[in-house]
PDB file of N, CA and C in Angstrom:
ATOM      1  N   MET A   1      -8.688 -11.794  49.604  1.00  0.00           N
ATOM      2  CA  MET A   1      -9.806 -11.998  50.513  1.00  0.00           C
ATOM      3  C   MET A   1     -10.950 -11.033  50.204  1.00  0.00           C
ATOM      4  N   ILE A   2     -10.602  -9.799  49.895  1.00  0.00           N
ATOM      5  CA  ILE A   2     -11.639  -8.814  49.587  1.00  0.00           C
ATOM      6  C   ILE A   2     -12.350  -9.182  48.294  1.00  0.00           C
ATOM      7  N   GLU A   3     -11.606  -9.751  47.341  1.00  0.00           N
ATOM      8  CA  GLU A   3     -12.208 -10.133  46.060  1.00  0.00           C
ATOM      9  C   GLU A   3     -13.276 -11.200  46.260  1.00  0.00           C
ATOM     10  N   LEU A   4     -13.022 -12.142  47.164  1.00  0.00           N
ATOM     11  CA  LEU A   4     -13.992 -13.191  47.444  1.00  0.00           C
ATOM     12  C   LEU A   4     -15.251 -12.610  48.078  1.00  0.00           C
ATOM     13  N   ALA A   5     -15.084 -11.672  48.987  1.00  0.00           N
ATOM     14  CA  ALA A   5     -16.238 -11.064  49.634  1.00  0.00           C
ATOM     15  C   ALA A   5     -17.047 -10.215  48.655  1.00  0.00           C
ATOM     16  N   VAL A   6     -16.363  -9.507  47.753  1.00  0.00           N
ATOM     17  CA  VAL A   6     -17.077  -8.717  46.742  1.00  0.00           C
ATOM     18  C   VAL A   6     -17.811  -9.645  45.774  1.00  0.00           C
ATOM     19  N   ALA A   7     -17.179 -10.751  45.405  1.00  0.00           N
ATOM     20  CA  ALA A   7     -17.842 -11.719  44.529  1.00  0.00           C
ATOM     21  C   ALA A   7     -19.056 -12.342  45.215  1.00  0.00           C
ATOM     22  N   THR A   8     -18.943 -12.599  46.513  1.00  0.00           N
ATOM     23  CA  THR A   8     -20.068 -13.132  47.269  1.00  0.00           C
ATOM     24  C   THR A   8     -21.211 -12.131  47.325  1.00  0.00           C
ATOM     25  N   ALA A   9     -20.884 -10.864  47.551  1.00  0.00           N
ATOM     26  CA  ALA A   9     -21.917  -9.831  47.582  1.00  0.00           C
ATOM     27  C   ALA A   9     -22.574  -9.665  46.216  1.00  0.00           C
ATOM     28  N   ALA A  10     -21.789  -9.756  45.150  1.00  0.00           N
ATOM     29  CA  ALA A  10     -22.348  -9.662  43.800  1.00  0.00           C
ATOM     30  C   ALA A  10     -23.252 -10.850  43.502  1.00  0.00           C
ATOM     31  N   PHE A  11     -22.846 -12.039  43.937  1.00  0.00           N
ATOM     32  CA  PHE A  11     -23.678 -13.223  43.749  1.00  0.00           C
ATOM     33  C   PHE A  11     -24.980 -13.108  44.526  1.00  0.00           C
ATOM     34  N   MET A  12     -24.901 -12.601  45.774  1.00  0.00           N
ATOM     35  CA  MET A  12     -26.111 -12.413  46.573  1.00  0.00           C
ATOM     36  C   MET A  12     -27.059 -11.412  45.925  1.00  0.00           C
ATOM     37  N   ALA A  13     -26.506 -10.321  45.394  1.00  0.00           N
ATOM     38  CA  ALA A  13     -27.337  -9.316  44.740  1.00  0.00           C
ATOM     39  C   ALA A  13     -27.966  -9.871  43.463  1.00  0.00           C
ATOM     40  N   ALA A  14     -27.194 -10.651  42.698  1.00  0.00           N
ATOM     41  CA  ALA A  14     -27.738 -11.244  41.472  1.00  0.00           C
ATOM     42  C   ALA A  14     -28.814 -12.272  41.785  1.00  0.00           C
ATOM     43  N   LEU A  15     -28.602 -13.073  42.817  1.00  0.00           N
ATOM     44  CA  LEU A  15     -29.595 -14.056  43.223  1.00  0.00           C
ATOM     45  C   LEU A  15     -30.866 -13.377  43.729  1.00  0.00           C
ATOM     46  N   GLY A  16     -30.707 -12.304  44.483  1.00  0.00           N
ATOM     47  CA  GLY A  16     -31.870 -11.558  44.956  1.00  0.00           C
ATOM     48  C   GLY A  16     -32.635 -10.895  43.822  1.00  0.00           C
ATOM     49  N   THR A  17     -31.918 -10.358  42.843  1.00  0.00           N
ATOM     50  CA  THR A  17     -32.580  -9.739  41.694  1.00  0.00           C
ATOM     51  C   THR A  17     -33.315 -10.784  40.867  1.00  0.00           C
ATOM     52  N   PHE A  18     -32.694 -11.946  40.676  1.00  0.00           N
ATOM     53  CA  PHE A  18     -33.365 -13.021  39.946  1.00  0.00           C
ATOM     54  C   PHE A  18     -34.627 -13.470  40.677  1.00  0.00           C
ATOM     55  N   GLY A  19     -34.546 -13.614  41.995  1.00  0.00           N
ATOM     56  CA  GLY A  19     -35.714 -14.004  42.774  1.00  0.00           C
ATOM     57  C   GLY A  19     -36.808 -12.952  42.758  1.00  0.00           C
ATOM     58  N   LEU A  20     -36.408 -11.708  42.734  1.00  0.00           N
ATOM     59  CA  LEU A  20     -37.380 -10.613  42.691  1.00  0.00           C
ATOM     60  C   LEU A  20     -38.123 -10.586  41.364  1.00  0.00           C
ATOM     61  N   ILE A  21     -37.404 -10.886  40.286  1.00  0.00           N
ATOM     62  CA  ILE A  21     -38.023 -10.858  38.960  1.00  0.00           C
ATOM     63  C   ILE A  21     -38.847 -12.117  38.689  1.00  0.00           C
ATOM     64  N   SER A  22     -38.365 -13.268  39.119  1.00  0.00           N
ATOM     65  CA  SER A  22     -38.986 -14.520  38.703  1.00  0.00           C
ATOM     66  C   SER A  22     -40.096 -15.014  39.630  1.00  0.00           C
ATOM     67  N   ARG A  23     -40.090 -14.650  40.882  1.00  0.00           N
ATOM     68  CA  ARG A  23     -41.065 -15.189  41.829  1.00  0.00           C
ATOM     69  C   ARG A  23     -42.310 -14.319  41.908  1.00  0.00           C
ATOM     70  N   ARG A  24     -43.441 -14.952  42.202  1.00  0.00           N
ATOM     71  CA  ARG A  24     -44.689 -14.219  42.373  1.00  0.00           C
ATOM     72  C   ARG A  24     -45.227 -14.340  43.793  1.00  0.00           C
ATOM     73  N   ASN A  25     -44.639 -15.199  44.598  1.00  0.00           N
ATOM     74  CA  ASN A  25     -45.063 -15.362  45.972  1.00  0.00           C
ATOM     75  C   ASN A  25     -44.498 -14.214  46.808  1.00  0.00           C
ATOM     76  N   LEU A  26     -45.327 -13.623  47.656  1.00  0.00           N
ATOM     77  CA  LEU A  26     -44.918 -12.455  48.428  1.00  0.00           C
ATOM     78  C   LEU A  26     -43.789 -12.774  49.405  1.00  0.00           C
ATOM     79  N   ALA A  27     -43.806 -13.966  49.977  1.00  0.00           N
ATOM     80  CA  ALA A  27     -42.751 -14.344  50.917  1.00  0.00           C
ATOM     81  C   ALA A  27     -41.400 -14.442  50.207  1.00  0.00           C
ATOM     82  N   PHE A  28     -41.387 -14.989  49.007  1.00  0.00           N
ATOM     83  CA  PHE A  28     -40.130 -15.090  48.266  1.00  0.00           C
ATOM     84  C   PHE A  28     -39.656 -13.715  47.784  1.00  0.00           C
ATOM     85  N   ILE A  29     -40.571 -12.834  47.488  1.00  0.00           N
ATOM     86  CA  ILE A  29     -40.196 -11.473  47.104  1.00  0.00           C
ATOM     87  C   ILE A  29     -39.528 -10.758  48.273  1.00  0.00           C
ATOM     88  N   VAL A  30     -40.068 -10.941  49.471  1.00  0.00           N
ATOM     89  CA  VAL A  30     -39.468 -10.332  50.663  1.00  0.00           C
ATOM     90  C   VAL A  30     -38.076 -10.915  50.915  1.00  0.00           C
ATOM     91  N   LEU A  31     -37.926 -12.225  50.749  1.00  0.00           N
ATOM     92  CA  LEU A  31     -36.612 -12.842  50.929  1.00  0.00           C
ATOM     93  C   LEU A  31     -35.614 -12.344  49.889  1.00  0.00           C
ATOM     94  N   SER A  32     -36.068 -12.117  48.661  1.00  0.00           N
ATOM     95  CA  SER A  32     -35.178 -11.603  47.622  1.00  0.00           C
ATOM     96  C   SER A  32     -34.733 -10.180  47.931  1.00  0.00           C
ATOM     97  N   LEU A  33     -35.653  -9.365  48.418  1.00  0.00           N
ATOM     98  CA  LEU A  33     -35.285  -8.005  48.823  1.00  0.00           C
ATOM     99  C   LEU A  33     -34.282  -8.023  49.970  1.00  0.00           C
ATOM    100  N   GLU A  34     -34.452  -8.969  50.873  1.00  0.00           N
ATOM    101  CA  GLU A  34     -33.515  -9.090  51.998  1.00  0.00           C
ATOM    102  C   GLU A  34     -32.128  -9.502  51.510  1.00  0.00           C
ATOM    103  N   LEU A  35     -32.056 -10.369  50.512  1.00  0.00           N
ATOM    104  CA  LEU A  35     -30.760 -10.748  49.950  1.00  0.00           C
ATOM    105  C   LEU A  35     -30.055  -9.543  49.329  1.00  0.00           C
ATOM    106  N   ILE A  36     -30.792  -8.722  48.603  1.00  0.00           N
ATOM    107  CA  ILE A  36     -30.200  -7.539  47.981  1.00  0.00           C
ATOM    108  C   ILE A  36     -29.703  -6.569  49.055  1.00  0.00           C
ATOM    109  N   LEU A  37     -30.497  -6.352  50.085  1.00  0.00           N
ATOM    110  CA  LEU A  37     -30.097  -5.444  51.159  1.00  0.00           C
ATOM    111  C   LEU A  37     -28.891  -5.983  51.918  1.00  0.00           C
ATOM    112  N   ASN A  38     -28.854  -7.287  52.152  1.00  0.00           N
ATOM    113  CA  ASN A  38     -27.717  -7.876  52.868  1.00  0.00           C
ATOM    114  C   ASN A  38     -26.441  -7.836  52.044  1.00  0.00           C
ATOM    115  N   SER A  39     -26.554  -7.901  50.720  1.00  0.00           N
ATOM    116  CA  SER A  39     -25.346  -7.767  49.901  1.00  0.00           C
ATOM    117  C   SER A  39     -24.788  -6.350  49.994  1.00  0.00           C
ATOM    118  N   ALA A  40     -25.670  -5.366  50.062  1.00  0.00           N
ATOM    119  CA  ALA A  40     -25.202  -3.987  50.235  1.00  0.00           C
ATOM    120  C   ALA A  40     -24.552  -3.787  51.611  1.00  0.00           C
ATOM    121  N   ILE A  41     -25.121  -4.392  52.626  1.00  0.00           N
ATOM    122  CA  ILE A  41     -24.544  -4.298  53.967  1.00  0.00           C
ATOM    123  C   ILE A  41     -23.185  -4.994  54.013  1.00  0.00           C
ATOM    124  N   LEU A  42     -23.066  -6.137  53.334  1.00  0.00           N
ATOM    125  CA  LEU A  42     -21.787  -6.840  53.275  1.00  0.00           C
ATOM    126  C   LEU A  42     -20.714  -5.986  52.618  1.00  0.00           C
ATOM    127  N   LEU A  43     -21.063  -5.308  51.531  1.00  0.00           N
ATOM    128  CA  LEU A  43     -20.096  -4.412  50.891  1.00  0.00           C
ATOM    129  C   LEU A  43     -19.720  -3.242  51.798  1.00  0.00           C
ATOM    130  N   LEU A  44     -20.689  -2.728  52.526  1.00  0.00           N
ATOM    131  CA  LEU A  44     -20.404  -1.631  53.448  1.00  0.00           C
ATOM    132  C   LEU A  44     -19.444  -2.072  54.542  1.00  0.00           C
ATOM    133  N   VAL A  45     -19.670  -3.249  55.070  1.00  0.00           N
ATOM    134  CA  VAL A  45     -18.805  -3.754  56.140  1.00  0.00           C
ATOM    135  C   VAL A  45     -17.410  -4.089  55.602  1.00  0.00           C
ATOM    136  N   ILE A  46     -17.333  -4.555  54.361  1.00  0.00           N
ATOM    137  CA  ILE A  46     -16.034  -4.881  53.773  1.00  0.00           C
ATOM    138  C   ILE A  46     -15.200  -3.628  53.554  1.00  0.00           C
ATOM    139  N   PHE A  47     -15.817  -2.595  53.009  1.00  0.00           N
ATOM    140  CA  PHE A  47     -15.060  -1.404  52.647  1.00  0.00           C
ATOM    141  C   PHE A  47     -14.994  -0.357  53.750  1.00  0.00           C
ATOM    142  N   LEU A  48     -15.586  -0.618  54.897  1.00  0.00           N
ATOM    143  CA  LEU A  48     -15.506   0.322  56.012  1.00  0.00           C
ATOM    144  C   LEU A  48     -14.071   0.513  56.503  1.00  0.00           C
ATOM    145  N   PRO A  49     -13.263  -0.546  56.651  1.00  0.00           N
ATOM    146  CA  PRO A  49     -11.884  -0.326  57.115  1.00  0.00           C
ATOM    147  C   PRO A  49     -10.993   0.393  56.102  1.00  0.00           C
ATOM    148  N   LYS A  50     -11.365   0.432  54.846  1.00  0.00           N
ATOM    149  CA  LYS A  50     -10.553   1.117  53.838  1.00  0.00           C
ATOM    150  C   LYS A  50     -10.604   2.630  53.997  1.00  0.00           C
ATOM    151  N   PHE A  51     -11.683   3.125  54.553  1.00  0.00           N
ATOM    152  CA  PHE A  51     -11.865   4.562  54.739  1.00  0.00           C
ATOM    153  C   PHE A  51     -11.764   4.897  56.217  1.00  0.00           C
ATOM    154  N   GLU A  52     -11.884   6.133  56.518  1.00  0.00           N
ATOM    155  CA  GLU A  52     -11.830   6.560  57.916  1.00  0.00           C
ATOM    156  C   GLU A  52     -13.096   6.091  58.630  1.00  0.00           C
ATOM    157  N   VAL A  53     -12.919   5.202  59.581  1.00  0.00           N
ATOM    158  CA  VAL A  53     -14.065   4.653  60.302  1.00  0.00           C
ATOM    159  C   VAL A  53     -14.484   5.633  61.387  1.00  0.00           C
ATOM    160  N   THR A  54     -15.691   6.099  61.264  1.00  0.00           N
ATOM    161  CA  THR A  54     -16.233   6.995  62.277  1.00  0.00           C
ATOM    162  C   THR A  54     -17.444   6.330  62.909  1.00  0.00           C
ATOM    163  N   ALA A  55     -17.924   6.942  63.943  1.00  0.00           N
ATOM    164  CA  ALA A  55     -19.132   6.422  64.582  1.00  0.00           C
ATOM    165  C   ALA A  55     -20.327   6.542  63.653  1.00  0.00           C
ATOM    166  N   ASN A  56     -20.303   7.525  62.762  1.00  0.00           N
ATOM    167  CA  ASN A  56     -21.400   7.700  61.812  1.00  0.00           C
ATOM    168  C   ASN A  56     -21.464   6.528  60.832  1.00  0.00           C
ATOM    169  N   ALA A  57     -20.338   6.041  60.360  1.00  0.00           N
ATOM    170  CA  ALA A  57     -20.314   4.921  59.419  1.00  0.00           C
ATOM    171  C   ALA A  57     -20.771   3.627  60.082  1.00  0.00           C
ATOM    172  N   VAL A  58     -20.325   3.403  61.291  1.00  0.00           N
ATOM    173  CA  VAL A  58     -20.718   2.194  62.010  1.00  0.00           C
ATOM    174  C   VAL A  58     -22.200   2.238  62.354  1.00  0.00           C
ATOM    175  N   SER A  59     -22.684   3.400  62.769  1.00  0.00           N
ATOM    176  CA  SER A  59     -24.099   3.502  63.100  1.00  0.00           C
ATOM    177  C   SER A  59     -24.975   3.372  61.860  1.00  0.00           C
ATOM    178  N   SER A  60     -24.480   3.787  60.696  1.00  0.00           N
ATOM    179  CA  SER A  60     -25.271   3.606  59.484  1.00  0.00           C
ATOM    180  C   SER A  60     -25.347   2.132  59.105  1.00  0.00           C
ATOM    181  N   ALA A  61     -24.293   1.371  59.343  1.00  0.00           N
ATOM    182  CA  ALA A  61     -24.338  -0.072  59.094  1.00  0.00           C
ATOM    183  C   ALA A  61     -25.329  -0.754  60.027  1.00  0.00           C
ATOM    184  N   ILE A  62     -25.331  -0.364  61.266  1.00  0.00           N
ATOM    185  CA  ILE A  62     -26.281  -0.933  62.226  1.00  0.00           C
ATOM    186  C   ILE A  62     -27.703  -0.515  61.887  1.00  0.00           C
ATOM    187  N   LEU A  63     -27.887   0.716  61.426  1.00  0.00           N
ATOM    188  CA  LEU A  63     -29.207   1.178  61.004  1.00  0.00           C
ATOM    189  C   LEU A  63     -29.704   0.384  59.802  1.00  0.00           C
ATOM    190  N   LEU A  64     -28.822   0.076  58.853  1.00  0.00           N
ATOM    191  CA  LEU A  64     -29.218  -0.740  57.705  1.00  0.00           C
ATOM    192  C   LEU A  64     -29.628  -2.149  58.132  1.00  0.00           C
ATOM    193  N   LEU A  65     -28.940  -2.715  59.106  1.00  0.00           N
ATOM    194  CA  LEU A  65     -29.343  -4.020  59.620  1.00  0.00           C
ATOM    195  C   LEU A  65     -30.721  -3.957  60.284  1.00  0.00           C
ATOM    196  N   ALA A  66     -30.983  -2.891  61.024  1.00  0.00           N
ATOM    197  CA  ALA A  66     -32.290  -2.740  61.663  1.00  0.00           C
ATOM    198  C   ALA A  66     -33.392  -2.537  60.630  1.00  0.00           C
ATOM    199  N   ILE A  67     -33.115  -1.782  59.582  1.00  0.00           N
ATOM    200  CA  ILE A  67     -34.102  -1.587  58.516  1.00  0.00           C
ATOM    201  C   ILE A  67     -34.388  -2.910  57.818  1.00  0.00           C
ATOM    202  N   GLY A  68     -33.359  -3.707  57.573  1.00  0.00           N
ATOM    203  CA  GLY A  68     -33.553  -5.013  56.953  1.00  0.00           C
ATOM    204  C   GLY A  68     -34.398  -5.944  57.805  1.00  0.00           C
ATOM    205  N   ALA A  69     -34.155  -5.936  59.098  1.00  0.00           N
ATOM    206  CA  ALA A  69     -34.934  -6.798  59.989  1.00  0.00           C
ATOM    207  C   ALA A  69     -36.388  -6.362  60.048  1.00  0.00           C
ATOM    208  N   SER A  70     -36.626  -5.055  60.097  1.00  0.00           N
ATOM    209  CA  SER A  70     -38.009  -4.588  60.143  1.00  0.00           C
ATOM    210  C   SER A  70     -38.721  -4.810  58.809  1.00  0.00           C
ATOM    211  N   GLU A  71     -37.982  -4.724  57.700  1.00  0.00           N
ATOM    212  CA  GLU A  71     -38.571  -4.992  56.384  1.00  0.00           C
ATOM    213  C   GLU A  71     -39.011  -6.443  56.274  1.00  0.00           C
ATOM    214  N   VAL A  72     -38.203  -7.353  56.764  1.00  0.00           N
ATOM    215  CA  VAL A  72     -38.568  -8.767  56.730  1.00  0.00           C
ATOM    216  C   VAL A  72     -39.761  -9.041  57.633  1.00  0.00           C
ATOM    217  N   ALA A  73     -39.764  -8.461  58.818  1.00  0.00           N
ATOM    218  CA  ALA A  73     -40.878  -8.679  59.741  1.00  0.00           C
ATOM    219  C   ALA A  73     -42.183  -8.142  59.166  1.00  0.00           C
ATOM    220  N   PHE A  74     -42.156  -6.964  58.581  1.00  0.00           N
ATOM    221  CA  PHE A  74     -43.365  -6.388  58.000  1.00  0.00           C
ATOM    222  C   PHE A  74     -43.802  -7.158  56.765  1.00  0.00           C
ATOM    223  N   GLY A  75     -42.868  -7.562  55.930  1.00  0.00           N
ATOM    224  CA  GLY A  75     -43.214  -8.305  54.713  1.00  0.00           C
ATOM    225  C   GLY A  75     -43.831  -9.658  55.021  1.00  0.00           C
ATOM    226  N   PHE A  76     -43.261 -10.375  55.979  1.00  0.00           N
ATOM    227  CA  PHE A  76     -43.838 -11.673  56.326  1.00  0.00           C
ATOM    228  C   PHE A  76     -45.180 -11.517  57.038  1.00  0.00           C
ATOM    229  N   ALA A  77     -45.335 -10.476  57.835  1.00  0.00           N
ATOM    230  CA  ALA A  77     -46.633 -10.233  58.466  1.00  0.00           C
ATOM    231  C   ALA A  77     -47.694  -9.941  57.407  1.00  0.00           C
ATOM    232  N   LEU A  78     -47.336  -9.170  56.408  1.00  0.00           N
ATOM    233  CA  LEU A  78     -48.260  -8.886  55.313  1.00  0.00           C
ATOM    234  C   LEU A  78     -48.582 -10.145  54.524  1.00  0.00           C
ATOM    235  N   ALA A  79     -47.593 -10.981  54.261  1.00  0.00           N
ATOM    236  CA  ALA A  79     -47.820 -12.225  53.518  1.00  0.00           C
ATOM    237  C   ALA A  79     -48.724 -13.176  54.294  1.00  0.00           C
ATOM    238  N   VAL A  80     -48.504 -13.290  55.601  1.00  0.00           N
ATOM    239  CA  VAL A  80     -49.331 -14.166  56.425  1.00  0.00           C
ATOM    240  C   VAL A  80     -50.758 -13.633  56.511  1.00  0.00           C
ATOM    241  N   ALA A  81     -50.910 -12.327  56.657  1.00  0.00           N
ATOM    242  CA  ALA A  81     -52.252 -11.751  56.728  1.00  0.00           C
ATOM    243  C   ALA A  81     -53.021 -11.945  55.424  1.00  0.00           C
ATOM    244  N   LEU A  82     -52.356 -11.758  54.295  1.00  0.00           N
ATOM    245  CA  LEU A  82     -53.012 -11.981  53.006  1.00  0.00           C
ATOM    246  C   LEU A  82     -53.351 -13.448  52.798  1.00  0.00           C
ATOM    247  N   ALA A  83     -52.462 -14.328  53.207  1.00  0.00           N
ATOM    248  CA  ALA A  83     -52.714 -15.754  53.035  1.00  0.00           C
ATOM    249  C   ALA A  83     -53.850 -16.233  53.925  1.00  0.00           C
ATOM    250  N   ARG A  84     -53.945 -15.714  55.124  1.00  0.00           N
ATOM    251  CA  ARG A  84     -55.023 -16.134  56.029  1.00  0.00           C
ATOM    252  C   ARG A  84     -56.370 -15.549  55.629  1.00  0.00           C
ATOM    253  N   ARG A  85     -56.378 -14.296  55.250  1.00  0.00           N
ATOM    254  CA  ARG A  85     -57.656 -13.632  54.976  1.00  0.00           C
ATOM    255  C   ARG A  85     -58.208 -13.989  53.599  1.00  0.00           C
ATOM    256  N   HIS A  86     -57.352 -13.986  52.594  1.00  0.00           N
ATOM    257  CA  HIS A  86     -57.845 -14.163  51.231  1.00  0.00           C
ATOM    258  C   HIS A  86     -57.428 -15.481  50.605  1.00  0.00           C
ATOM    259  N   LYS A  87     -56.685 -16.303  51.336  1.00  0.00           N
ATOM    260  CA  LYS A  87     -56.206 -17.586  50.833  1.00  0.00           C
ATOM    261  C   LYS A  87     -55.423 -17.425  49.533  1.00  0.00           C
ATOM    262  N   VAL A  88     -54.598 -16.380  49.462  1.00  0.00           N
ATOM    263  CA  VAL A  88     -53.800 -16.125  48.267  1.00  0.00           C
ATOM    264  C   VAL A  88     -52.411 -15.657  48.686  1.00  0.00           C
ATOM    265  N   SER A  89     -51.398 -16.113  47.958  1.00  0.00           N
ATOM    266  CA  SER A  89     -50.040 -15.633  48.207  1.00  0.00           C
ATOM    267  C   SER A  89     -49.391 -15.127  46.925  1.00  0.00           C
ATOM    268  N   ASP A  90     -50.113 -15.210  45.819  1.00  0.00           N
ATOM    269  CA  ASP A  90     -49.605 -14.760  44.530  1.00  0.00           C
ATOM    270  C   ASP A  90     -49.879 -13.267  44.391  1.00  0.00           C
ATOM    271  N   VAL A  91     -48.827 -12.494  44.161  1.00  0.00           N
ATOM    272  CA  VAL A  91     -49.002 -11.047  44.121  1.00  0.00           C
ATOM    273  C   VAL A  91     -49.703 -10.581  42.847  1.00  0.00           C
ATOM    274  N   LEU A  92     -49.705 -11.384  41.807  1.00  0.00           N
ATOM    275  CA  LEU A  92     -50.366 -10.980  40.576  1.00  0.00           C
ATOM    276  C   LEU A  92     -51.881 -11.119  40.643  1.00  0.00           C
ATOM    277  N   THR A  93     -52.384 -11.904  41.574  1.00  0.00           N
ATOM    278  CA  THR A  93     -53.826 -12.057  41.691  1.00  0.00           C
ATOM    279  C   THR A  93     -54.460 -10.985  42.576  1.00  0.00           C
ATOM    280  N   LEU A  94     -53.651 -10.228  43.241  1.00  0.00           N
ATOM    281  CA  LEU A  94     -54.180  -9.162  44.094  1.00  0.00           C
ATOM    282  C   LEU A  94     -54.572  -7.972  43.227  1.00  0.00           C
ATOM    283  N   SER A  95     -55.802  -7.555  43.315  1.00  0.00           N
ATOM    284  CA  SER A  95     -56.223  -6.404  42.509  1.00  0.00           C
ATOM    285  C   SER A  95     -55.834  -5.100  43.186  1.00  0.00           C
ATOM    286  N   GLU A  96     -55.980  -5.047  44.487  1.00  0.00           N
ATOM    287  CA  GLU A  96     -55.567  -3.880  45.268  1.00  0.00           C
ATOM    288  C   GLU A  96     -55.456  -4.307  46.716  1.00  0.00           C
ATOM    289  N   LEU A  97     -54.830  -3.513  47.530  1.00  0.00           N
ATOM    290  CA  LEU A  97     -54.669  -3.864  48.937  1.00  0.00           C
ATOM    291  C   LEU A  97     -55.851  -3.441  49.783  1.00  0.00           C
ATOM    292  N   GLY A  98     -56.950  -3.039  49.151  1.00  0.00           N
ATOM    293  CA  GLY A  98     -58.143  -2.623  49.891  1.00  0.00           C
ATOM    294  C   GLY A  98     -58.991  -3.778  50.361  1.00  0.00           C
ATOM    295  N   GLY A  99     -58.593  -5.011  50.090  1.00  0.00           N
ATOM    296  CA  GLY A  99     -59.338  -6.165  50.572  1.00  0.00           C
ATOM    297  C   GLY A  99     -60.025  -6.925  49.460  1.00  0.00           C
ATOM    298  N   LYS A 100     -60.058  -6.395  48.252  1.00  0.00           N
ATOM    299  CA  LYS A 100     -60.703  -7.103  47.145  1.00  0.00           C
ATOM    300  C   LYS A 100     -59.651  -7.953  46.439  1.00  0.00           C
ATOM    301  N   VAL A 101     -60.006  -9.187  46.174  1.00  0.00           N
ATOM    302  CA  VAL A 101     -59.080 -10.102  45.514  1.00  0.00           C
ATOM    303  C   VAL A 101     -59.793 -10.735  44.333  1.00  0.00           C
ATOM    304  N   GLU A 102     -59.144 -10.708  43.172  1.00  0.00           N
ATOM    305  CA  GLU A 102     -59.676 -11.419  42.009  1.00  0.00           C
ATOM    306  C   GLU A 102     -59.297 -12.876  42.128  1.00  0.00           C
ATOM    307  N   ARG A 103     -60.197 -13.750  41.778  1.00  0.00           N
ATOM    308  CA  ARG A 103     -59.877 -15.189  41.839  1.00  0.00           C
ATOM    309  C   ARG A 103     -60.032 -15.817  40.493  1.00  0.00           C
TER     310      ARG A 103
END
């Protein structure tokens, strides 16, 4: 059972890395980062019972989930703001985040 969960986490991390490398849309980049973070959280939750479970370990898992949720919320807010203001979602066309966009 643990082997299946580790294989699933490895697949999620590989899929997230592939999406991070191959995609140029900011929303897909944020989703790929979330996949990588969730694979790490899955491994943490899988291997938590193997070691001495303390309140510190459980709280770190919950903290990682909160960081992942806030990362997704901030990333999508940034993607929506860029798409509305500059009509662009491709990260390679952005010259800088100061408001200037090359077209």
